[in-house]
Amino acid sequence: MRAVWYEETGPAADVLTYGEMATPVAGPGEVRIRLEASGVNPADVGRRGGGYRAKEFSRVIPNSDGAGFIDQIGDGATRFKIGDRVWLFNGQRNGRAFGTAAEYIALAEHLVTPLPDNLSFAQGATLGIPAMTAWCSLFADGPIVGKSVLVTGGAGAVGHYAVQLAKWGGAQVIATVSSAIKGEHARQAGADLVVNYRDEDVVAKAMAFTGGRGVDQLVDVDFGGNIATTLKLMAMNSTNRGLRHERQPHADRADARADGEVHYAPLARLVRAAAGAACGGAGRHLEMAGSGAANPQCRGAVCAVGDGAGPCRRRERRQARHRGGRLRALISAGITAAW
């Protein structure tokens, strides 16, 4: 098969190689997907650049997310048939060196989900990290009907999904953007109020929009960069979920105007936990983010054992995979309805 890979980390132009590699074969419990689209996420770029974590394998085919057709089924895999349209996540994660920047990938069937007929493969390749993160950030505490939701970076991948899904879920949606073009993008996704944070007062605009009450829920794609502002926007008993932490967050409690919950839930950890593919700290992050009347489709996907040390027990892992599959089915249905 044709593939793109790297054997050293660094700038893309210096380390990426395009060529031929052996086509993978679906092993027990796996399916092989003929890929039509590959999704590139910040973590994929960070891994290749060397700034995310140390290189784990001698050769890496990058990218976690993707979409395509099932073209081979391994022994014991029963969920799919040849020709099914699917999307997938965690291609290059958790012990797997070869991701979706290739013509084929062999992957455990529990990491693969049917792709609705009305979604393109390009759209399907964004349903992994971006859509799953947005979904769990919004619905971990239950329904959001009638709530006010603020999404920072409403034109980015996670933010854009969060705007669409929040509106679909019955919330009033505020989105922050950095340009007029991005503002129009957020409006088309369904945002009720768009604020350009470069030349408008986000706090004043959001507070006026909510009648001075503040927002019930925040989905913040730059936790460290925005926390001093977002604390001022939180309504009583609100929730602020920070999804990226590239800066050291620092804020005075005096900045907060009401009692609420602030959670840092990194994208990769949130997605792995939601899918039942991680234990320990990742699982506890999602449980913390899902405190209260948690949505069982989201919180129930967590697999946490004792103090988080060691692997999941076999029964709990099976349960987590089942619930993770149900979560991904809900995401597919939600995106289909929102679009």
C-alpha atoms as a PDB file:
ATOM      1  CA  MET A   1       0.000   0.000   0.000  1.00  0.00           C
ATOM      2  CA  ARG A   2       0.965   3.635  -0.337  1.00  0.00           C
ATOM      3  CA  ALA A   3       1.560   5.444   2.934  1.00  0.00           C
ATOM      4  CA  VAL A   4       3.162   8.451   4.587  1.00  0.00           C
ATOM      5  CA  TRP A   5       5.407   7.859   7.595  1.00  0.00           C
ATOM      6  CA  TYR A   6       8.179   9.309   9.725  1.00  0.00           C
ATOM      7  CA  GLU A   7      11.115   7.716  11.532  1.00  0.00           C
ATOM      8  CA  GLU A   8      12.347  10.888  13.236  1.00  0.00           C
ATOM      9  CA  THR A   9      10.349  13.771  14.657  1.00  0.00           C
ATOM     10  CA  GLY A  10      10.605  17.315  13.348  1.00  0.00           C
ATOM     11  CA  PRO A  11       9.145  19.657  10.696  1.00  0.00           C
ATOM     12  CA  ALA A  12       6.836  17.867   8.251  1.00  0.00           C
ATOM     13  CA  ALA A  13       8.895  18.774   5.181  1.00  0.00           C
ATOM     14  CA  ASP A  14      12.005  17.285   6.795  1.00  0.00           C
ATOM     15  CA  VAL A  15      10.716  14.032   8.286  1.00  0.00           C
ATOM     16  CA  LEU A  16       7.673  12.798   6.333  1.00  0.00           C
ATOM     17  CA  THR A  17       8.309  10.090   3.750  1.00  0.00           C
ATOM     18  CA  TYR A  18       5.891   8.899   1.053  1.00  0.00           C
ATOM     19  CA  GLY A  19       6.266   5.406  -0.361  1.00  0.00           C
ATOM     20  CA  GLU A  20       5.202   1.768  -0.357  1.00  0.00           C
ATOM     21  CA  MET A  21       4.683  -0.371   2.733  1.00  0.00           C
ATOM     22  CA  ALA A  22       3.268  -3.836   3.336  1.00  0.00           C
ATOM     23  CA  THR A  23      -0.537  -3.860   3.333  1.00  0.00           C
ATOM     24  CA  PRO A  24      -1.807  -4.820   6.808  1.00  0.00           C
ATOM     25  CA  VAL A  25      -3.922  -7.929   7.374  1.00  0.00           C
ATOM     26  CA  ALA A  26      -6.892  -7.949   9.745  1.00  0.00           C
ATOM     27  CA  GLY A  27      -6.036 -10.046  12.807  1.00  0.00           C
ATOM     28  CA  PRO A  28      -8.419 -11.676  15.295  1.00  0.00           C
ATOM     29  CA  GLY A  29     -11.118  -9.227  16.343  1.00  0.00           C
ATOM     30  CA  GLU A  30      -9.980  -6.703  13.749  1.00  0.00           C
ATOM     31  CA  VAL A  31     -11.296  -5.289  10.500  1.00  0.00           C
ATOM     32  CA  ARG A  32      -9.319  -3.738   7.673  1.00  0.00           C
ATOM     33  CA  ILE A  33     -10.500  -0.428   6.267  1.00  0.00           C
ATOM     34  CA  ARG A  34      -9.715   0.879   2.809  1.00  0.00           C
ATOM     35  CA  LEU A  35      -9.273   4.500   3.730  1.00  0.00           C
ATOM     36  CA  GLU A  36     -10.910   7.302   1.765  1.00  0.00           C
ATOM     37  CA  ALA A  37     -10.092  10.160   4.170  1.00  0.00           C
ATOM     38  CA  SER A  38      -7.656  10.789   7.023  1.00  0.00           C
ATOM     39  CA  GLY A  39      -8.200  13.318   9.810  1.00  0.00           C
ATOM     40  CA  VAL A  40      -5.250  15.362  11.118  1.00  0.00           C
ATOM     41  CA  ASN A  41      -5.569  16.584  14.700  1.00  0.00           C
ATOM     42  CA  PRO A  42      -3.294  18.809  16.818  1.00  0.00           C
ATOM     43  CA  ALA A  43      -2.043  15.783  18.753  1.00  0.00           C
ATOM     44  CA  ASP A  44      -1.017  14.120  15.476  1.00  0.00           C
ATOM     45  CA  VAL A  45       0.951  17.216  14.495  1.00  0.00           C
ATOM     46  CA  GLY A  46       2.487  17.454  17.964  1.00  0.00           C
ATOM     47  CA  ARG A  47       3.589  13.819  17.912  1.00  0.00           C
ATOM     48  CA  ARG A  48       5.212  14.208  14.512  1.00  0.00           C
ATOM     49  CA  GLY A  49       6.861  17.479  15.535  1.00  0.00           C
ATOM     50  CA  GLY A  50       8.269  15.950  18.692  1.00  0.00           C
ATOM     51  CA  GLY A  51       6.705  18.455  21.076  1.00  0.00           C
ATOM     52  CA  TYR A  52       3.806  16.306  22.282  1.00  0.00           C
ATOM     53  CA  ARG A  53       5.682  13.309  23.727  1.00  0.00           C
ATOM     54  CA  ALA A  54       8.684  11.125  23.019  1.00  0.00           C
ATOM     55  CA  LYS A  55       8.548   9.023  19.845  1.00  0.00           C
ATOM     56  CA  GLU A  56       7.273   5.566  20.769  1.00  0.00           C
ATOM     57  CA  PHE A  57       8.033   3.567  17.624  1.00  0.00           C
ATOM     58  CA  SER A  58      10.831   3.321  15.074  1.00  0.00           C
ATOM     59  CA  ARG A  59       8.370   4.091  12.260  1.00  0.00           C
ATOM     60  CA  VAL A  60       5.026   5.871  12.575  1.00  0.00           C
ATOM     61  CA  ILE A  61       2.194   6.323  10.087  1.00  0.00           C
ATOM     62  CA  PRO A  62       0.497   9.391  11.585  1.00  0.00           C
ATOM     63  CA  ASN A  63      -3.131  10.367  12.172  1.00  0.00           C
ATOM     64  CA  SER A  64      -5.715   8.902  14.506  1.00  0.00           C
ATOM     65  CA  ASP A  65      -9.017   9.539  12.703  1.00  0.00           C
ATOM     66  CA  GLY A  66     -10.245   8.335   9.332  1.00  0.00           C
ATOM     67  CA  ALA A  67     -13.099   6.933   7.242  1.00  0.00           C
ATOM     68  CA  GLY A  68     -13.529   4.410   4.441  1.00  0.00           C
ATOM     69  CA  PHE A  69     -14.865   0.961   3.517  1.00  0.00           C
ATOM     70  CA  ILE A  70     -14.503  -2.369   5.309  1.00  0.00           C
ATOM     71  CA  ASP A  71     -12.557  -4.615   2.935  1.00  0.00           C
ATOM     72  CA  GLN A  72     -11.366  -7.473   5.168  1.00  0.00           C
ATOM     73  CA  ILE A  73     -12.699  -9.061   8.368  1.00  0.00           C
ATOM     74  CA  GLY A  74     -10.543 -10.932  10.864  1.00  0.00           C
ATOM     75  CA  ASP A  75     -11.471 -14.035  12.843  1.00  0.00           C
ATOM     76  CA  GLY A  76     -14.038 -13.334  15.530  1.00  0.00           C
ATOM     77  CA  ALA A  77     -15.013  -9.896  14.216  1.00  0.00           C
ATOM     78  CA  THR A  78     -18.789  -9.865  13.723  1.00  0.00           C
ATOM     79  CA  ARG A  79     -20.008  -6.252  13.704  1.00  0.00           C
ATOM     80  CA  PHE A  80     -19.397  -5.444  10.034  1.00  0.00           C
ATOM     81  CA  LYS A  81     -19.571  -6.881   6.546  1.00  0.00           C
ATOM     82  CA  ILE A  82     -17.407  -6.244   3.505  1.00  0.00           C
ATOM     83  CA  GLY A  83     -18.263  -2.920   1.885  1.00  0.00           C
ATOM     84  CA  ASP A  84     -19.685  -1.190   4.980  1.00  0.00           C
ATOM     85  CA  ARG A  85     -18.969   2.536   5.188  1.00  0.00           C
ATOM     86  CA  VAL A  86     -17.289   3.378   8.513  1.00  0.00           C
ATOM     87  CA  TRP A  87     -15.413   5.978  10.495  1.00  0.00           C
ATOM     88  CA  LEU A  88     -12.708   5.229  13.033  1.00  0.00           C
ATOM     89  CA  PHE A  89     -10.573   6.782  15.741  1.00  0.00           C
ATOM     90  CA  ASN A  90      -7.432   5.985  17.732  1.00  0.00           C
ATOM     91  CA  GLY A  91      -5.708   4.658  14.622  1.00  0.00           C
ATOM     92  CA  GLN A  92      -2.239   5.761  15.779  1.00  0.00           C
ATOM     93  CA  ARG A  93      -2.698   5.559  19.526  1.00  0.00           C
ATOM     94  CA  ASN A  94      -2.380   3.285  22.537  1.00  0.00           C
ATOM     95  CA  GLY A  95       0.229   0.848  21.293  1.00  0.00           C
ATOM     96  CA  ARG A  96      -0.455   1.207  17.546  1.00  0.00           C
ATOM     97  CA  ALA A  97       2.233   2.725  15.359  1.00  0.00           C
ATOM     98  CA  PHE A  98       0.347   2.822  12.058  1.00  0.00           C
ATOM     99  CA  GLY A  99      -2.455   5.365  11.662  1.00  0.00           C
ATOM    100  CA  THR A 100      -4.645   6.569   8.813  1.00  0.00           C
ATOM    101  CA  ALA A 101      -2.164   8.383   6.525  1.00  0.00           C
ATOM    102  CA  ALA A 102      -2.204   5.313   4.283  1.00  0.00           C
ATOM    103  CA  GLU A 103      -4.437   3.379   1.911  1.00  0.00           C
ATOM    104  CA  TYR A 104      -5.352   0.738   4.511  1.00  0.00           C
ATOM    105  CA  ILE A 105      -5.500   0.266   8.258  1.00  0.00           C
ATOM    106  CA  ALA A 106      -6.241  -2.852  10.344  1.00  0.00           C
ATOM    107  CA  LEU A 107      -7.941  -1.963  13.606  1.00  0.00           C
ATOM    108  CA  ALA A 108      -9.896  -3.584  16.452  1.00  0.00           C
ATOM    109  CA  GLU A 109     -13.553  -3.522  15.449  1.00  0.00           C
ATOM    110  CA  HIS A 110     -14.627  -1.754  18.650  1.00  0.00           C
ATOM    111  CA  LEU A 111     -12.767   1.355  17.414  1.00  0.00           C
ATOM    112  CA  VAL A 112     -14.815   1.402  14.191  1.00  0.00           C
ATOM    113  CA  THR A 113     -18.325   2.838  13.766  1.00  0.00           C
ATOM    114  CA  PRO A 114     -20.846   2.823  10.884  1.00  0.00           C
ATOM    115  CA  LEU A 115     -20.837   6.023   8.821  1.00  0.00           C
ATOM    116  CA  PRO A 116     -24.337   7.310   7.927  1.00  0.00           C
ATOM    117  CA  ASP A 117     -24.998   7.393   4.200  1.00  0.00           C
ATOM    118  CA  ASN A 118     -25.596  11.145   4.133  1.00  0.00           C
ATOM    119  CA  LEU A 119     -22.132  11.953   5.523  1.00  0.00           C
ATOM    120  CA  SER A 120     -19.079  12.099   3.288  1.00  0.00           C
ATOM    121  CA  PHE A 121     -15.850  10.307   4.113  1.00  0.00           C
ATOM    122  CA  ALA A 122     -14.218  13.684   4.749  1.00  0.00           C
ATOM    123  CA  GLN A 123     -16.900  14.436   7.316  1.00  0.00           C
ATOM    124  CA  GLY A 124     -16.516  10.968   8.775  1.00  0.00           C
ATOM    125  CA  ALA A 125     -12.797  11.538   9.306  1.00  0.00           C
ATOM    126  CA  THR A 126     -13.667  14.383  11.715  1.00  0.00           C
ATOM    127  CA  LEU A 127     -16.015  12.367  13.928  1.00  0.00           C
ATOM    128  CA  GLY A 128     -13.202  10.963  16.078  1.00  0.00           C
ATOM    129  CA  ILE A 129     -11.323  13.406  18.273  1.00  0.00           C
ATOM    130  CA  PRO A 130     -13.199  16.622  17.281  1.00  0.00           C
ATOM    131  CA  ALA A 131     -16.811  15.406  17.431  1.00  0.00           C
ATOM    132  CA  MET A 132     -16.404  13.011  20.362  1.00  0.00           C
ATOM    133  CA  THR A 133     -14.686  15.723  22.378  1.00  0.00           C
ATOM    134  CA  ALA A 134     -17.420  18.238  21.605  1.00  0.00           C
ATOM    135  CA  TRP A 135     -20.170  15.752  22.427  1.00  0.00           C
ATOM    136  CA  CYS A 136     -18.815  14.734  25.832  1.00  0.00           C
ATOM    137  CA  SER A 137     -17.951  18.321  26.732  1.00  0.00           C
ATOM    138  CA  LEU A 138     -21.583  19.285  26.201  1.00  0.00           C
ATOM    139  CA  PHE A 139     -23.595  16.314  27.412  1.00  0.00           C
ATOM    140  CA  ALA A 140     -21.522  14.773  30.232  1.00  0.00           C
ATOM    141  CA  ASP A 141     -23.868  16.363  32.798  1.00  0.00           C
ATOM    142  CA  GLY A 142     -27.085  15.495  30.958  1.00  0.00           C
ATOM    143  CA  PRO A 143     -29.446  17.448  28.678  1.00  0.00           C
ATOM    144  CA  ILE A 144     -28.687  21.073  27.834  1.00  0.00           C
ATOM    145  CA  VAL A 145     -32.153  22.132  26.682  1.00  0.00           C
ATOM    146  CA  GLY A 146     -32.778  25.764  27.635  1.00  0.00           C
ATOM    147  CA  LYS A 147     -29.232  26.327  28.918  1.00  0.00           C
ATOM    148  CA  SER A 148     -26.795  28.965  27.723  1.00  0.00           C
ATOM    149  CA  VAL A 149     -23.550  27.574  26.324  1.00  0.00           C
ATOM    150  CA  LEU A 150     -20.423  29.530  25.421  1.00  0.00           C
ATOM    151  CA  VAL A 151     -17.962  27.935  23.004  1.00  0.00           C
ATOM    152  CA  THR A 152     -14.554  29.509  22.573  1.00  0.00           C
ATOM    153  CA  GLY A 153     -13.045  29.135  19.115  1.00  0.00           C
ATOM    154  CA  GLY A 154     -16.427  28.480  17.521  1.00  0.00           C
ATOM    155  CA  ALA A 155     -14.941  28.166  14.024  1.00  0.00           C
ATOM    156  CA  GLY A 156     -12.345  25.504  14.885  1.00  0.00           C
ATOM    157  CA  ALA A 157     -12.896  21.771  14.576  1.00  0.00           C
ATOM    158  CA  VAL A 158     -13.988  21.011  18.155  1.00  0.00           C
ATOM    159  CA  GLY A 159     -15.618  24.406  18.604  1.00  0.00           C
ATOM    160  CA  HIS A 160     -17.595  24.186  15.386  1.00  0.00           C
ATOM    161  CA  TYR A 161     -18.961  20.777  16.358  1.00  0.00           C
ATOM    162  CA  ALA A 162     -19.755  22.081  19.839  1.00  0.00           C
ATOM    163  CA  VAL A 163     -21.777  24.961  18.366  1.00  0.00           C
ATOM    164  CA  GLN A 164     -23.755  22.627  16.092  1.00  0.00           C
ATOM    165  CA  LEU A 165     -24.402  20.002  18.752  1.00  0.00           C
ATOM    166  CA  ALA A 166     -25.282  22.558  21.448  1.00  0.00           C
ATOM    167  CA  LYS A 167     -27.840  24.145  19.157  1.00  0.00           C
ATOM    168  CA  TRP A 168     -29.183  20.715  18.206  1.00  0.00           C
ATOM    169  CA  GLY A 169     -29.413  19.938  21.930  1.00  0.00           C
ATOM    170  CA  GLY A 170     -31.686  22.937  22.548  1.00  0.00           C
ATOM    171  CA  ALA A 171     -29.229  25.417  24.058  1.00  0.00           C
ATOM    172  CA  GLN A 172     -28.686  29.115  23.412  1.00  0.00           C
ATOM    173  CA  VAL A 173     -25.205  29.305  21.972  1.00  0.00           C
ATOM    174  CA  ILE A 174     -22.539  31.999  22.191  1.00  0.00           C
ATOM    175  CA  ALA A 175     -19.383  31.527  20.138  1.00  0.00           C
ATOM    176  CA  THR A 176     -16.148  33.503  20.256  1.00  0.00           C
ATOM    177  CA  VAL A 177     -14.068  33.935  17.100  1.00  0.00           C
ATOM    178  CA  SER A 178     -11.055  35.917  15.919  1.00  0.00           C
ATOM    179  CA  SER A 179     -12.248  37.263  12.534  1.00  0.00           C
ATOM    180  CA  ALA A 180     -15.325  38.191  10.526  1.00  0.00           C
ATOM    181  CA  ILE A 181     -14.936  35.160   8.267  1.00  0.00           C
ATOM    182  CA  LYS A 182     -14.780  32.833  11.265  1.00  0.00           C
ATOM    183  CA  GLY A 183     -17.780  34.637  12.725  1.00  0.00           C
ATOM    184  CA  GLU A 184     -19.854  33.809   9.672  1.00  0.00           C
ATOM    185  CA  HIS A 185     -18.691  30.207   9.926  1.00  0.00           C
ATOM    186  CA  ALA A 186     -19.933  30.038  13.535  1.00  0.00           C
ATOM    187  CA  ARG A 187     -23.266  31.646  12.607  1.00  0.00           C
ATOM    188  CA  GLN A 188     -23.811  29.091   9.883  1.00  0.00           C
ATOM    189  CA  ALA A 189     -23.230  26.380  12.485  1.00  0.00           C
ATOM    190  CA  GLY A 190     -26.106  27.835  14.526  1.00  0.00           C
ATOM    191  CA  ALA A 191     -24.553  30.253  17.033  1.00  0.00           C
ATOM    192  CA  ASP A 192     -27.121  32.719  18.417  1.00  0.00           C
ATOM    193  CA  LEU A 193     -24.448  35.267  19.341  1.00  0.00           C
ATOM    194  CA  VAL A 194     -20.967  35.583  17.845  1.00  0.00           C
ATOM    195  CA  VAL A 195     -18.309  37.705  19.574  1.00  0.00           C
ATOM    196  CA  ASN A 196     -15.013  38.669  17.957  1.00  0.00           C
ATOM    197  CA  TYR A 197     -12.690  38.598  20.941  1.00  0.00           C
ATOM    198  CA  ARG A 198     -10.055  40.684  19.148  1.00  0.00           C
ATOM    199  CA  ASP A 199     -12.164  43.844  19.056  1.00  0.00           C
ATOM    200  CA  GLU A 200     -15.210  43.158  21.271  1.00  0.00           C
ATOM    201  CA  ASP A 201     -15.677  42.737  25.020  1.00  0.00           C
ATOM    202  CA  VAL A 202     -16.557  39.055  25.427  1.00  0.00           C
ATOM    203  CA  VAL A 203     -17.652  39.405  29.053  1.00  0.00           C
ATOM    204  CA  ALA A 204     -19.878  42.420  28.406  1.00  0.00           C
ATOM    205  CA  LYS A 205     -21.514  40.912  25.308  1.00  0.00           C
ATOM    206  CA  ALA A 206     -22.108  37.508  26.896  1.00  0.00           C
ATOM    207  CA  MET A 207     -23.472  38.986  30.118  1.00  0.00           C
ATOM    208  CA  ALA A 208     -25.846  41.230  28.192  1.00  0.00           C
ATOM    209  CA  PHE A 209     -27.016  38.257  26.107  1.00  0.00           C
ATOM    210  CA  THR A 210     -27.788  36.226  29.260  1.00  0.00           C
ATOM    211  CA  GLY A 211     -29.497  39.103  31.060  1.00  0.00           C
ATOM    212  CA  GLY A 212     -26.605  39.477  33.500  1.00  0.00           C
ATOM    213  CA  ARG A 213     -26.872  35.891  34.706  1.00  0.00           C
ATOM    214  CA  GLY A 214     -23.829  34.427  32.995  1.00  0.00           C
ATOM    215  CA  VAL A 215     -23.546  31.199  31.040  1.00  0.00           C
ATOM    216  CA  ASP A 216     -24.485  27.742  32.294  1.00  0.00           C
ATOM    217  CA  GLN A 217     -21.786  25.848  30.450  1.00  0.00           C
ATOM    218  CA  LEU A 218     -18.500  26.692  28.759  1.00  0.00           C
ATOM    219  CA  VAL A 219     -16.593  24.592  26.243  1.00  0.00           C
ATOM    220  CA  ASP A 220     -13.150  26.164  26.209  1.00  0.00           C
ATOM    221  CA  VAL A 221     -10.596  24.991  23.654  1.00  0.00           C
ATOM    222  CA  ASP A 222      -7.802  27.075  25.226  1.00  0.00           C
ATOM    223  CA  PHE A 223      -8.162  26.490  28.955  1.00  0.00           C
ATOM    224  CA  GLY A 224      -4.916  28.130  30.009  1.00  0.00           C
ATOM    225  CA  GLY A 225      -5.331  31.147  27.766  1.00  0.00           C
ATOM    226  CA  ASN A 226      -8.967  31.937  28.564  1.00  0.00           C
ATOM    227  CA  ILE A 227      -9.568  30.980  32.182  1.00  0.00           C
ATOM    228  CA  ALA A 228      -9.235  34.502  33.580  1.00  0.00           C
ATOM    229  CA  THR A 229     -12.018  35.628  31.218  1.00  0.00           C
ATOM    230  CA  THR A 230     -14.248  32.570  31.385  1.00  0.00           C
ATOM    231  CA  LEU A 231     -14.369  32.617  35.184  1.00  0.00           C
ATOM    232  CA  LYS A 232     -16.121  35.988  34.937  1.00  0.00           C
ATOM    233  CA  LEU A 233     -18.827  34.486  32.730  1.00  0.00           C
ATOM    234  CA  MET A 234     -19.889  31.538  34.850  1.00  0.00           C
ATOM    235  CA  ALA A 235     -23.452  31.514  36.175  1.00  0.00           C
ATOM    236  CA  MET A 236     -24.368  29.926  39.502  1.00  0.00           C
ATOM    237  CA  ASN A 237     -23.828  26.139  39.379  1.00  0.00           C
ATOM    238  CA  SER A 238     -22.274  26.376  35.929  1.00  0.00           C
ATOM    239  CA  THR A 239     -19.570  24.190  34.401  1.00  0.00           C
ATOM    240  CA  ASN A 240     -16.413  25.222  32.564  1.00  0.00           C
ATOM    241  CA  ARG A 241     -14.679  22.449  30.625  1.00  0.00           C
ATOM    242  CA  GLY A 242     -11.173  23.269  29.449  1.00  0.00           C
ATOM    243  CA  LEU A 243      -9.998  21.082  26.589  1.00  0.00           C
ATOM    244  CA  ARG A 244      -6.460  22.222  25.873  1.00  0.00           C
ATOM    245  CA  HIS A 245      -3.773  23.303  28.260  1.00  0.00           C
ATOM    246  CA  GLU A 246      -0.676  24.605  26.502  1.00  0.00           C
ATOM    247  CA  ARG A 247      -0.166  27.406  28.987  1.00  0.00           C
ATOM    248  CA  GLN A 248      -0.005  27.402  32.754  1.00  0.00           C
ATOM    249  CA  PRO A 249      -3.456  28.572  33.880  1.00  0.00           C
ATOM    250  CA  HIS A 250      -3.487  31.277  36.520  1.00  0.00           C
ATOM    251  CA  ALA A 251      -6.539  33.055  37.825  1.00  0.00           C
ATOM    252  CA  ASP A 252      -7.605  34.630  41.084  1.00  0.00           C
ATOM    253  CA  ARG A 253     -10.712  33.147  42.683  1.00  0.00           C
ATOM    254  CA  ALA A 254     -11.900  36.737  42.978  1.00  0.00           C
ATOM    255  CA  ASP A 255     -12.311  36.691  39.204  1.00  0.00           C
ATOM    256  CA  ALA A 256     -15.129  34.172  39.550  1.00  0.00           C
ATOM    257  CA  ARG A 257     -18.548  35.748  39.888  1.00  0.00           C
ATOM    258  CA  ALA A 258     -20.460  32.639  41.037  1.00  0.00           C
ATOM    259  CA  ASP A 259     -19.937  29.145  42.382  1.00  0.00           C
ATOM    260  CA  GLY A 260     -19.389  26.621  39.625  1.00  0.00           C
ATOM    261  CA  GLU A 261     -17.164  23.776  38.495  1.00  0.00           C
ATOM    262  CA  VAL A 262     -13.993  24.174  36.442  1.00  0.00           C
ATOM    263  CA  HIS A 263     -12.541  21.052  34.841  1.00  0.00           C
ATOM    264  CA  TYR A 264      -9.501  20.469  32.691  1.00  0.00           C
ATOM    265  CA  ALA A 265     -10.262  17.522  30.390  1.00  0.00           C
ATOM    266  CA  PRO A 266      -7.584  17.182  27.654  1.00  0.00           C
ATOM    267  CA  LEU A 267      -8.906  16.257  24.232  1.00  0.00           C
ATOM    268  CA  ALA A 268      -7.060  12.975  23.831  1.00  0.00           C
ATOM    269  CA  ARG A 269      -7.832  11.802  27.358  1.00  0.00           C
ATOM    270  CA  LEU A 270     -11.490  12.775  27.085  1.00  0.00           C
ATOM    271  CA  VAL A 271     -11.893  10.879  23.825  1.00  0.00           C
ATOM    272  CA  ARG A 272     -10.031   7.795  25.047  1.00  0.00           C
ATOM    273  CA  ALA A 273     -12.075   7.688  28.226  1.00  0.00           C
ATOM    274  CA  ALA A 274     -15.341   8.247  26.368  1.00  0.00           C
ATOM    275  CA  ALA A 275     -14.551   5.329  24.137  1.00  0.00           C
ATOM    276  CA  GLY A 276     -13.699   3.046  27.020  1.00  0.00           C
ATOM    277  CA  ALA A 277     -10.161   2.705  25.683  1.00  0.00           C
ATOM    278  CA  ALA A 278      -8.275   4.063  28.683  1.00  0.00           C
ATOM    279  CA  CYS A 279      -8.108   3.510  32.412  1.00  0.00           C
ATOM    280  CA  GLY A 280      -7.006   5.349  35.466  1.00  0.00           C
ATOM    281  CA  GLY A 281      -6.349   9.066  35.198  1.00  0.00           C
ATOM    282  CA  ALA A 282      -8.126   9.405  31.887  1.00  0.00           C
ATOM    283  CA  GLY A 283     -11.206   7.699  33.235  1.00  0.00           C
ATOM    284  CA  ARG A 284     -11.187   9.830  36.351  1.00  0.00           C
ATOM    285  CA  HIS A 285     -10.923  12.992  34.237  1.00  0.00           C
ATOM    286  CA  LEU A 286     -14.166  12.083  32.501  1.00  0.00           C
ATOM    287  CA  GLU A 287     -15.849  11.070  35.752  1.00  0.00           C
ATOM    288  CA  MET A 288     -14.827  14.395  37.251  1.00  0.00           C
ATOM    289  CA  ALA A 289     -16.133  16.231  34.218  1.00  0.00           C
ATOM    290  CA  GLY A 290     -19.341  14.187  34.427  1.00  0.00           C
ATOM    291  CA  SER A 291     -20.040  14.836  38.110  1.00  0.00           C
ATOM    292  CA  GLY A 292     -23.668  15.293  38.965  1.00  0.00           C
ATOM    293  CA  ALA A 293     -26.476  13.754  36.945  1.00  0.00           C
ATOM    294  CA  ALA A 294     -24.147  12.396  34.317  1.00  0.00           C
ATOM    295  CA  ASN A 295     -25.304  11.311  30.903  1.00  0.00           C
ATOM    296  CA  PRO A 296     -24.978   7.497  31.074  1.00  0.00           C
ATOM    297  CA  GLN A 297     -24.027   7.256  27.411  1.00  0.00           C
ATOM    298  CA  CYS A 298     -21.002   9.419  28.134  1.00  0.00           C
ATOM    299  CA  ARG A 299     -19.987   8.789  31.725  1.00  0.00           C
ATOM    300  CA  GLY A 300     -20.871   5.113  31.491  1.00  0.00           C
ATOM    301  CA  ALA A 301     -18.172   4.656  28.887  1.00  0.00           C
ATOM    302  CA  VAL A 302     -15.477   5.237  31.492  1.00  0.00           C
ATOM    303  CA  CYS A 303     -13.419   2.255  32.574  1.00  0.00           C
ATOM    304  CA  ALA A 304     -11.775   3.115  35.886  1.00  0.00           C
ATOM    305  CA  VAL A 305     -10.425   0.456  38.240  1.00  0.00           C
ATOM    306  CA  GLY A 306      -9.553   1.153  41.870  1.00  0.00           C
ATOM    307  CA  ASP A 307      -6.951   3.871  42.101  1.00  0.00           C
ATOM    308  CA  GLY A 308      -6.418   3.860  38.339  1.00  0.00           C
ATOM    309  CA  ALA A 309      -3.266   1.752  38.395  1.00  0.00           C
ATOM    310  CA  GLY A 310      -3.052  -1.205  36.055  1.00  0.00           C
ATOM    311  CA  PRO A 311      -5.216  -2.394  33.172  1.00  0.00           C
ATOM    312  CA  CYS A 312      -8.991  -2.691  33.116  1.00  0.00           C
ATOM    313  CA  ARG A 313     -10.474  -6.023  34.046  1.00  0.00           C
ATOM    314  CA  ARG A 314     -11.767  -7.972  31.068  1.00  0.00           C
ATOM    315  CA  ARG A 315     -15.483  -7.662  31.933  1.00  0.00           C
ATOM    316  CA  GLU A 316     -15.213  -3.929  32.602  1.00  0.00           C
ATOM    317  CA  ARG A 317     -13.312  -3.415  29.358  1.00  0.00           C
ATOM    318  CA  ARG A 318     -16.068  -5.225  27.428  1.00  0.00           C
ATOM    319  CA  GLN A 319     -18.713  -3.076  29.104  1.00  0.00           C
ATOM    320  CA  ALA A 320     -16.747   0.088  28.378  1.00  0.00           C
ATOM    321  CA  ARG A 321     -16.352  -0.869  24.721  1.00  0.00           C
ATOM    322  CA  HIS A 322     -20.070  -1.532  24.415  1.00  0.00           C
ATOM    323  CA  ARG A 323     -20.934   1.809  25.978  1.00  0.00           C
ATOM    324  CA  GLY A 324     -18.276   3.541  23.911  1.00  0.00           C
ATOM    325  CA  GLY A 325     -19.873   2.075  20.787  1.00  0.00           C
ATOM    326  CA  ARG A 326     -23.271   3.346  21.909  1.00  0.00           C
ATOM    327  CA  LEU A 327     -21.760   6.784  22.492  1.00  0.00           C
ATOM    328  CA  ARG A 328     -20.296   6.836  18.977  1.00  0.00           C
ATOM    329  CA  ALA A 329     -23.648   5.766  17.519  1.00  0.00           C
ATOM    330  CA  LEU A 330     -25.278   8.704  19.317  1.00  0.00           C
ATOM    331  CA  ILE A 331     -22.629  11.053  17.953  1.00  0.00           C
ATOM    332  CA  SER A 332     -23.235   9.810  14.397  1.00  0.00           C
ATOM    333  CA  ALA A 333     -26.976  10.289  14.828  1.00  0.00           C
ATOM    334  CA  GLY A 334     -26.529  13.715  16.399  1.00  0.00           C
ATOM    335  CA  ILE A 335     -24.223  14.963  13.649  1.00  0.00           C
ATOM    336  CA  THR A 336     -26.597  13.589  11.006  1.00  0.00           C
ATOM    337  CA  ALA A 337     -29.515  15.439  12.598  1.00  0.00           C
ATOM    338  CA  ALA A 338     -27.514  18.650  13.100  1.00  0.00           C
ATOM    339  CA  TRP A 339     -26.439  18.630   9.455  1.00  0.00           C
END
